[in-house]
Amino acid sequence: MTSSAGWETCCISVAAGLRFLRESASPDESDARDDVNVSPNQKPSTDKPAPVRPRGWAGRFRPHADDVDDRTVAGLLAYHALIEIRSSAGKSRRQPETASTDEVLERIRFLADLAHNLPLVARPQGRWRPSRPGLISRRDRAMQTRPMSWTWNTSGERGREWILRHIAQAGYRWTPPPPLPAPRKDAAAWNLRQGLRVLAGWPVRTPPGRQPLPRQARILKALDRDQMYALYEEAGSRRLGMGSASPELRAHLDPNAPHYLFPDPADYYWPNEDRPWWECRVLLRMVDGEPITGSLTVLPETFTALPSTVSGIRQRRLALTARMLERDYYLWWRDHEKDCSPQRCGYPAEPTA
């Protein structure tokens, strides 16, 4: 049976899509049709009736041969996803003897996962801004140029077939976006501008309309493997949101190298009264020597209690390096898993006699 997280994803997608469609519809585009009153003495017209334009959002997707941009495609796909979700949700009630609940929920989950970002792509809320001021990755730039990049490149073969089918049925011509930039294994070489940023101050900037982070949050801490793993354990046990411990993670953290941590919250995770924790960025060294980055939720009192042993300029260099990395633990493990063995990594542990 699908978990509650699946239902939550579906509900969020449906609510966002319905709100987008409601805001996009003009006042005269109502589903209701007024009856036309014809006088008994009126002679029937011999003129050909004018073509009727479909009402509502669907009328905006009349088949034509024009090339369309990503935002038009996103609106079209959001509309069709909501129609199919509504149809699938009622299928088990209309056909209880043939409709499988698991199949219906799987179909809704597929459509919700595919379409949950489309309303924002079709109707952006003002000028695009990065989630972290001053930090624009290669992936961010690609998605700014082609807003459908993420949806297209993460949909898989099944999702892409669904996208292309609906675009073709609408009579549109659309060029899919190119692949997203492949994440680099190491930080890019520093240029002069990035070198000067080390001298300009702490790299984590305050988003517009937010309160600056407290002074004790504008610092980088160095930890050994056990200290870093303890933070992951706390985040998981207290359900803080980002980060969880596992024997797999601990086995692959370099036991002889320092690991680093500093608060680097995105705009939508900026600390406030309802969000008392800090989203921190980690800089981890794995057993094969590769540095990776990631996010970990840490309580302010826990972070403040950690010792500070790194000099100011080195703190800034390490923080900028962590922000420039593009691979996280998921991507690292995906490449490492096929070569993982007890002899190489000590994981999984060999059974003792």
Protein backbone atom coordinates (compact mmCIF):
# COMPACT_ATOMS: atom_id res chain seq x y z
CA MET A 1 0.00 0.00 0.00
CA THR A 2 1.28 3.47 -0.84
CA SER A 3 2.58 5.38 2.18
CA SER A 4 1.15 8.60 3.53
CA ALA A 5 4.05 10.45 1.88
CA GLY A 6 2.61 9.42 -1.49
CA TRP A 7 -0.79 10.86 -0.62
CA GLU A 8 0.88 14.07 0.59
CA THR A 9 2.77 14.43 -2.70
CA CYS A 10 -0.44 13.90 -4.66
CA CYS A 11 -2.41 16.41 -2.59
CA ILE A 12 0.29 19.07 -2.87
CA SER A 13 0.49 18.63 -6.63
CA VAL A 14 -3.29 18.74 -7.11
CA ALA A 15 -3.70 21.78 -4.86
CA ALA A 16 -0.92 23.70 -6.60
CA GLY A 17 -2.23 22.83 -10.03
CA LEU A 18 -5.81 23.77 -9.22
CA ARG A 19 -4.67 27.08 -7.79
CA PHE A 20 -2.63 27.76 -10.93
CA LEU A 21 -5.52 26.91 -13.24
CA ARG A 22 -7.96 29.01 -11.21
CA GLU A 23 -5.68 32.05 -11.34
CA SER A 24 -5.06 31.58 -15.05
CA ALA A 25 -8.71 31.37 -16.11
CA SER A 26 -10.47 34.55 -17.22
CA PRO A 27 -13.85 35.47 -15.70
CA ASP A 28 -15.80 34.46 -18.79
CA GLU A 29 -14.21 31.04 -19.00
CA SER A 30 -16.70 29.23 -16.81
CA ASP A 31 -17.71 25.63 -17.20
CA ALA A 32 -21.36 26.68 -17.05
CA ARG A 33 -23.09 27.50 -20.35
CA ASP A 34 -25.98 29.94 -20.52
CA ASP A 35 -29.02 28.86 -22.51
CA VAL A 36 -29.66 30.92 -25.61
CA ASN A 37 -33.19 32.37 -25.78
CA VAL A 38 -34.53 32.51 -29.32
CA SER A 39 -37.68 34.42 -30.19
CA PRO A 40 -40.48 32.28 -31.75
CA ASN A 41 -40.73 34.76 -34.66
CA GLN A 42 -37.03 34.73 -35.36
CA LYS A 43 -36.08 33.06 -38.61
CA PRO A 44 -33.32 30.53 -38.49
CA SER A 45 -30.05 31.87 -39.80
CA THR A 46 -28.55 30.41 -42.93
CA ASP A 47 -25.06 31.56 -42.03
CA LYS A 48 -22.56 28.96 -41.01
CA PRO A 49 -22.10 28.92 -37.26
CA ALA A 50 -18.90 30.41 -35.99
CA PRO A 51 -16.43 27.87 -34.67
CA VAL A 52 -16.82 27.37 -30.96
CA ARG A 53 -13.69 27.88 -28.95
CA PRO A 54 -13.46 25.41 -26.06
CA ARG A 55 -14.06 27.06 -22.73
CA GLY A 56 -11.67 27.01 -19.83
CA TRP A 57 -7.95 26.33 -19.82
CA ALA A 58 -8.25 23.58 -22.43
CA GLY A 59 -9.24 26.15 -25.04
CA ARG A 60 -5.78 27.62 -24.90
CA PHE A 61 -4.27 24.45 -26.32
CA ARG A 62 -5.87 24.40 -29.74
CA PRO A 63 -3.78 22.33 -32.15
CA HIS A 64 -1.52 24.47 -34.31
CA ALA A 65 1.89 24.19 -35.89
CA ASP A 66 3.68 26.88 -33.92
CA ASP A 67 6.81 26.23 -31.92
CA VAL A 68 6.15 26.70 -28.22
CA ASP A 69 8.37 27.48 -25.26
CA ASP A 70 8.81 25.59 -22.01
CA ARG A 71 6.26 27.64 -20.07
CA THR A 72 3.48 26.93 -22.56
CA VAL A 73 4.36 23.23 -22.49
CA ALA A 74 4.35 23.23 -18.68
CA GLY A 75 0.84 24.73 -18.61
CA LEU A 76 -0.41 22.13 -21.07
CA LEU A 77 1.09 19.23 -19.13
CA ALA A 78 -0.16 20.52 -15.76
CA TYR A 79 -3.68 20.66 -17.19
CA HIS A 80 -3.57 17.11 -18.54
CA ALA A 81 -1.95 15.74 -15.38
CA LEU A 82 -4.78 17.12 -13.25
CA ILE A 83 -7.39 15.70 -15.62
CA GLU A 84 -5.79 12.25 -15.45
CA ILE A 85 -5.40 12.42 -11.67
CA ARG A 86 -9.10 13.27 -11.32
CA SER A 87 -10.03 10.42 -13.64
CA SER A 88 -7.79 7.93 -11.83
CA ALA A 89 -9.10 8.97 -8.42
CA GLY A 90 -12.68 8.17 -9.48
CA LYS A 91 -11.84 4.94 -11.26
CA SER A 92 -11.97 2.74 -8.17
CA ARG A 93 -15.46 4.08 -7.41
CA ARG A 94 -16.75 3.73 -10.97
CA GLN A 95 -15.22 0.31 -11.56
CA PRO A 96 -14.71 -1.30 -8.15
CA GLU A 97 -14.67 -4.82 -9.56
CA THR A 98 -11.79 -4.18 -12.00
CA ALA A 99 -9.84 -1.23 -10.60
CA SER A 100 -6.91 -2.11 -8.36
CA THR A 101 -6.34 0.37 -5.55
CA ASP A 102 -2.57 -0.12 -5.77
CA GLU A 103 -2.59 0.52 -9.52
CA VAL A 104 -4.73 3.65 -9.12
CA LEU A 105 -2.45 5.04 -6.40
CA GLU A 106 0.65 4.21 -8.42
CA ARG A 107 -0.77 6.10 -11.42
CA ILE A 108 -1.63 9.13 -9.28
CA ARG A 109 1.83 9.05 -7.70
CA PHE A 110 3.47 8.91 -11.14
CA LEU A 111 1.49 11.92 -12.40
CA ALA A 112 2.02 13.90 -9.19
CA ASP A 113 5.77 13.30 -9.23
CA LEU A 114 5.93 14.29 -12.87
CA ALA A 115 3.80 17.44 -12.67
CA HIS A 116 4.25 18.92 -9.19
CA ASN A 117 6.73 21.58 -10.41
CA LEU A 118 4.90 22.41 -13.64
CA PRO A 119 2.57 25.16 -12.29
CA LEU A 120 5.59 27.14 -11.11
CA VAL A 121 7.34 26.61 -14.44
CA ALA A 122 4.27 27.80 -16.35
CA ARG A 123 3.61 30.80 -14.13
CA PRO A 124 6.81 32.00 -12.45
CA GLN A 125 6.40 34.25 -9.44
CA GLY A 126 8.34 37.32 -10.57
CA ARG A 127 12.00 37.42 -11.46
CA TRP A 128 13.94 34.22 -10.83
CA ARG A 129 16.30 34.33 -7.88
CA PRO A 130 18.68 31.63 -6.64
CA SER A 131 17.72 29.97 -3.36
CA ARG A 132 21.05 31.13 -1.93
CA PRO A 133 22.12 34.68 -2.85
CA GLY A 134 25.44 34.73 -4.66
CA LEU A 135 25.41 30.98 -5.36
CA ILE A 136 24.31 30.02 -8.87
CA SER A 137 25.33 26.54 -9.98
CA ARG A 138 25.69 25.31 -13.53
CA ARG A 139 22.44 23.43 -13.05
CA ASP A 140 20.67 26.61 -11.91
CA ARG A 141 21.85 28.39 -15.05
CA ALA A 142 20.64 25.56 -17.27
CA MET A 143 17.21 25.59 -15.62
CA GLN A 144 17.01 29.36 -15.88
CA THR A 145 17.58 29.06 -19.64
CA ARG A 146 15.24 26.06 -20.07
CA PRO A 147 12.69 25.88 -17.22
CA MET A 148 11.57 22.37 -18.27
CA SER A 149 15.10 20.97 -17.87
CA TRP A 150 14.55 19.37 -14.46
CA THR A 151 11.20 17.79 -15.30
CA TRP A 152 12.41 16.46 -18.64
CA ASN A 153 15.72 15.07 -17.39
CA THR A 154 14.30 13.40 -14.28
CA SER A 155 11.11 11.92 -15.74
CA GLY A 156 12.59 8.70 -17.08
CA GLU A 157 11.51 6.96 -20.27
CA ARG A 158 7.90 6.57 -19.11
CA GLY A 159 7.56 10.22 -18.16
CA ARG A 160 9.15 11.47 -21.36
CA GLU A 161 6.78 9.34 -23.43
CA TRP A 162 3.84 10.87 -21.57
CA ILE A 163 5.17 14.39 -22.12
CA LEU A 164 5.79 13.94 -25.85
CA ARG A 165 2.43 12.23 -26.41
CA HIS A 166 0.45 15.14 -24.97
CA ILE A 167 2.53 17.71 -26.85
CA ALA A 168 1.96 15.84 -30.11
CA GLN A 169 -1.78 15.52 -29.47
CA ALA A 170 -1.95 19.29 -28.94
CA GLY A 171 -0.27 19.86 -32.31
CA TYR A 172 2.73 21.63 -30.84
CA ARG A 173 6.36 21.60 -31.91
CA TRP A 174 8.72 21.60 -28.94
CA THR A 175 12.43 20.91 -28.65
CA PRO A 176 13.31 19.05 -25.44
CA PRO A 177 16.03 20.67 -23.33
CA PRO A 178 19.56 19.28 -23.37
CA PRO A 179 20.84 17.10 -20.52
CA LEU A 180 21.63 18.88 -17.29
CA PRO A 181 25.34 19.44 -16.63
CA ALA A 182 26.93 16.33 -15.17
CA PRO A 183 28.05 17.01 -11.58
CA ARG A 184 31.81 17.43 -11.28
CA LYS A 185 33.74 15.20 -8.89
CA ASP A 186 35.89 18.06 -7.65
CA ALA A 187 35.41 21.78 -7.16
CA ALA A 188 36.08 23.90 -10.23
CA ALA A 189 39.36 25.78 -10.45
CA TRP A 190 39.18 29.12 -8.68
CA ASN A 191 39.13 32.26 -10.76
CA LEU A 192 40.18 35.75 -9.66
CA ARG A 193 36.66 36.72 -8.64
CA GLN A 194 36.28 33.71 -6.37
CA GLY A 195 39.68 34.35 -4.87
CA LEU A 196 38.65 37.90 -4.02
CA ARG A 197 35.45 36.64 -2.41
CA VAL A 198 37.56 34.97 0.26
CA LEU A 199 38.66 38.43 1.35
CA ALA A 200 35.18 39.97 1.03
CA GLY A 201 33.69 38.31 4.10
CA TRP A 202 31.55 35.34 5.01
CA PRO A 203 30.11 33.74 1.82
CA VAL A 204 26.60 33.02 3.17
CA ARG A 205 24.52 36.08 2.33
CA THR A 206 21.19 37.09 3.82
CA PRO A 207 18.24 36.77 1.39
CA PRO A 208 16.10 39.88 0.82
CA GLY A 209 13.57 40.41 3.62
CA ARG A 210 15.32 38.05 6.07
CA GLN A 211 17.16 38.69 9.32
CA PRO A 212 20.92 38.00 9.20
CA LEU A 213 22.17 34.83 10.81
CA PRO A 214 23.55 35.35 14.32
CA ARG A 215 27.29 35.76 14.67
CA GLN A 216 27.73 32.25 16.09
CA ALA A 217 26.21 30.85 12.88
CA ARG A 218 28.72 32.58 10.58
CA ILE A 219 31.51 30.15 11.29
CA LEU A 220 32.80 26.79 10.05
CA LYS A 221 33.53 23.89 12.39
CA ALA A 222 35.96 21.00 11.87
CA LEU A 223 34.91 17.57 13.14
CA ASP A 224 36.28 14.04 13.08
CA ARG A 225 34.29 11.12 11.75
CA ASP A 226 32.63 10.20 15.04
CA GLN A 227 31.58 13.80 15.75
CA MET A 228 30.08 14.21 12.29
CA TYR A 229 28.29 10.88 12.50
CA ALA A 230 26.83 11.87 15.89
CA LEU A 231 25.20 14.90 14.23
CA TYR A 232 23.61 12.64 11.63
CA GLU A 233 22.33 10.41 14.43
CA GLU A 234 20.79 13.38 16.22
CA ALA A 235 19.14 14.67 13.03
CA GLY A 236 17.62 11.26 12.39
CA SER A 237 16.50 10.47 15.94
CA ARG A 238 14.92 13.91 16.43
CA ARG A 239 13.47 13.97 12.92
CA LEU A 240 14.88 17.37 12.15
CA GLY A 241 14.35 16.89 8.44
CA MET A 242 17.71 16.56 6.65
CA GLY A 243 20.23 13.85 7.37
CA SER A 244 20.04 10.41 8.96
CA ALA A 245 22.66 8.00 10.24
CA SER A 246 23.39 4.57 8.84
CA PRO A 247 26.24 2.05 9.20
CA GLU A 248 26.82 2.50 5.47
CA LEU A 249 27.50 6.22 5.86
CA ARG A 250 29.83 5.80 8.81
CA ALA A 251 31.83 3.09 7.06
CA HIS A 252 32.51 5.34 4.08
CA LEU A 253 33.54 8.52 5.90
CA ASP A 254 37.33 8.85 5.97
CA PRO A 255 38.29 8.12 9.61
CA ASN A 256 41.59 10.00 9.30
CA ALA A 257 40.43 13.21 7.58
CA PRO A 258 38.63 16.24 9.04
CA HIS A 259 35.06 16.91 8.00
CA TYR A 260 33.49 20.37 8.02
CA LEU A 261 30.14 21.94 8.84
CA PHE A 262 28.67 25.45 8.63
CA PRO A 263 25.12 26.95 8.49
CA ASP A 264 24.11 27.61 4.87
CA PRO A 265 20.30 27.68 4.75
CA ALA A 266 18.34 28.15 1.54
CA ASP A 267 15.90 31.06 1.44
CA TYR A 268 12.94 28.71 2.03
CA TYR A 269 14.71 27.14 5.05
CA TRP A 270 15.92 30.39 6.61
CA PRO A 271 15.61 30.17 10.42
CA ASN A 272 12.53 31.70 12.08
CA GLU A 273 10.25 31.06 15.04
CA ASP A 274 8.62 28.08 13.31
CA ARG A 275 11.95 26.71 12.10
CA PRO A 276 14.29 26.66 15.11
CA TRP A 277 16.99 24.52 13.46
CA TRP A 278 19.77 25.47 11.05
CA GLU A 279 20.24 23.93 7.63
CA CYS A 280 23.98 23.32 7.49
CA ARG A 281 26.25 22.43 4.60
CA VAL A 282 28.71 19.62 5.15
CA LEU A 283 32.06 19.06 3.46
CA LEU A 284 32.87 15.37 3.79
CA ARG A 285 35.93 13.37 2.77
CA MET A 286 35.07 9.84 1.65
CA VAL A 287 37.23 6.72 1.97
CA ASP A 288 38.36 7.01 -1.65
CA GLY A 289 39.52 10.60 -1.10
CA GLU A 290 36.70 12.37 -2.96
CA PRO A 291 35.23 15.45 -1.28
CA ILE A 292 31.45 15.70 -1.38
CA THR A 293 28.85 18.14 -0.06
CA GLY A 294 25.36 17.85 1.35
CA SER A 295 22.81 19.29 3.77
CA LEU A 296 22.34 18.40 7.43
CA THR A 297 19.88 19.84 9.94
CA VAL A 298 21.53 20.87 13.21
CA LEU A 299 20.10 22.49 16.32
CA PRO A 300 21.67 25.90 17.13
CA GLU A 301 22.72 24.83 20.62
CA THR A 302 24.40 21.72 19.21
CA PHE A 303 26.32 23.68 16.60
CA THR A 304 27.38 26.41 19.04
CA ALA A 305 28.77 23.83 21.46
CA LEU A 306 31.14 22.39 18.84
CA PRO A 307 34.75 23.59 19.12
CA SER A 308 36.09 26.07 16.59
CA THR A 309 39.66 25.30 15.52
CA VAL A 310 39.90 26.65 11.94
CA SER A 311 41.42 30.06 11.15
CA GLY A 312 39.22 32.77 9.62
CA ILE A 313 40.64 32.85 6.07
CA ARG A 314 40.75 29.04 5.88
CA GLN A 315 37.13 28.91 7.05
CA ARG A 316 36.08 31.06 4.10
CA ARG A 317 38.12 29.01 1.62
CA LEU A 318 36.61 25.75 2.87
CA ALA A 319 33.09 27.20 2.86
CA LEU A 320 33.47 28.40 -0.73
CA THR A 321 34.93 25.04 -1.74
CA ALA A 322 31.95 23.21 -0.21
CA ARG A 323 29.54 25.50 -2.07
CA MET A 324 31.30 24.84 -5.38
CA LEU A 325 31.06 21.05 -5.10
CA GLU A 326 28.29 19.42 -7.13
CA ARG A 327 28.22 15.82 -5.87
CA ASP A 328 26.45 14.67 -2.72
CA TYR A 329 26.42 11.32 -0.94
CA TYR A 330 23.69 9.90 -3.19
CA LEU A 331 25.70 10.53 -6.37
CA TRP A 332 28.91 9.31 -4.77
CA TRP A 333 27.31 6.07 -3.52
CA ARG A 334 25.67 5.43 -6.90
CA ASP A 335 29.11 5.27 -8.51
CA HIS A 336 30.84 3.56 -5.60
CA GLU A 337 28.33 0.82 -4.83
CA LYS A 338 29.45 -1.57 -7.57
CA ASP A 339 33.02 -1.58 -6.20
CA CYS A 340 32.12 -1.66 -2.51
CA SER A 341 33.34 -4.72 -0.60
CA PRO A 342 34.43 -5.66 2.93
CA GLN A 343 38.03 -5.88 1.70
CA ARG A 344 38.01 -2.38 0.23
CA CYS A 345 35.73 -0.42 2.56
CA GLY A 346 35.06 -2.64 5.53
CA TYR A 347 31.38 -2.58 4.57
CA PRO A 348 29.38 -4.65 4.91
CA ALA A 349 31.34 -6.08 7.79
CA GLU A 350 32.57 -9.61 7.25
CA PRO A 351 30.86 -12.16 9.54
CA THR A 352 32.96 -13.29 12.46
CA ALA A 353 33.40 -16.95 13.27
